[in-house]
Every structure is written in structure tokens, then in C-alpha cells.
Amino acid sequence: MFAQDILVCPCGGRRSVVAFVADAGQAHSLLVTLGLPADSATFAPARDPPQAELAWEDPA
């Protein structure tokens, strides 16, 4: 969704920003302290889709 207000709380109130952590080490430490996932997700590398063999010279 475009231009969604991320400060709207599900309870109907408004959220507020209390801190902005720009240092990766501090962010990792804070997430671990709070018991939240601190490691980035890992994904399989992108690959080409399978290519079906095409019969260009089909005598039928």
C-alpha cells in the first residue's frame, strides 16, 4: 500500500518515535536485549527459470 500512515496504532491511538538507532552494532545489541530476532534473513540466491526445449524445426 502506498502512503500508509505507519504511526496509526491498531488500538486507534497514535504511535510516536522514541529513538532512531543508526549504528548496526547498537541495533543488534538492542534487539538481542529485547529478545527479538537480530540476524538478517537469508534467502536462496536468484536463478534463471527452467527453459523448456522448443522444437523450432518441427516437420509436422
Protein backbone atom coordinates (compact mmCIF):
# COMPACT_ATOMS: atom_id res chain seq x y z
CA MET A 1 0.00 0.00 0.00
CA PHE A 2 1.38 3.41 -0.90
CA ALA A 3 1.49 6.34 1.55
CA GLN A 4 0.31 4.27 4.52
CA ASP A 5 0.43 6.07 7.87
CA ILE A 6 2.74 3.83 9.94
CA LEU A 7 2.10 5.80 13.13
CA VAL A 8 -1.54 4.67 13.34
CA CYS A 9 -1.92 2.17 16.18
CA PRO A 10 -4.36 -0.77 15.91
CA CYS A 11 -5.90 0.45 19.17
CA GLY A 12 -6.95 3.68 17.44
CA GLY A 13 -4.28 5.90 19.01
CA ARG A 14 -1.07 7.31 17.56
CA ARG A 15 2.42 5.88 17.90
CA SER A 16 5.44 8.09 18.36
CA VAL A 17 9.11 7.63 17.51
CA VAL A 18 11.11 7.41 20.74
CA ALA A 19 14.51 6.52 19.27
CA PHE A 20 16.33 6.12 15.99
CA VAL A 21 19.29 3.71 16.04
CA ALA A 22 21.66 4.19 13.11
CA ASP A 23 24.61 2.11 14.39
CA ALA A 24 24.34 -1.56 13.37
CA GLY A 25 26.14 -2.80 16.48
CA GLN A 26 23.85 -0.90 18.82
CA ALA A 27 20.78 -2.06 16.89
CA HIS A 28 21.91 -5.70 17.13
CA SER A 29 22.60 -5.37 20.86
CA LEU A 30 19.23 -3.72 21.48
CA LEU A 31 17.32 -6.40 19.55
CA VAL A 32 19.11 -9.20 21.43
CA THR A 33 18.36 -7.50 24.76
CA LEU A 34 14.68 -7.24 23.83
CA GLY A 35 14.59 -10.89 22.76
CA LEU A 36 13.81 -10.02 19.15
CA PRO A 37 15.38 -11.59 16.02
CA ALA A 38 18.67 -9.77 15.46
CA ASP A 39 20.10 -11.61 12.44
CA SER A 40 19.06 -10.76 8.92
CA ALA A 41 17.03 -13.28 6.95
CA THR A 42 18.86 -15.49 4.49
CA PHE A 43 17.43 -16.22 1.08
CA ALA A 44 18.46 -18.61 -1.65
CA PRO A 45 20.30 -16.88 -4.48
CA ALA A 46 18.28 -15.92 -7.53
CA ARG A 47 18.44 -18.26 -10.50
CA ASP A 48 17.14 -18.38 -14.05
CA PRO A 49 13.81 -20.13 -14.60
CA PRO A 50 13.99 -23.55 -16.28
CA GLN A 51 13.91 -23.31 -20.05
CA ALA A 52 11.84 -25.85 -21.96
CA GLU A 53 13.32 -27.15 -25.17
CA LEU A 54 11.49 -25.68 -28.16
CA ALA A 55 11.15 -27.59 -31.42
CA TRP A 56 11.81 -24.85 -33.99
CA GLU A 57 12.35 -27.25 -36.88
CA ASP A 58 9.27 -29.44 -36.29
CA PRO A 59 8.40 -31.16 -39.63
CA ALA A 60 4.75 -31.69 -38.64
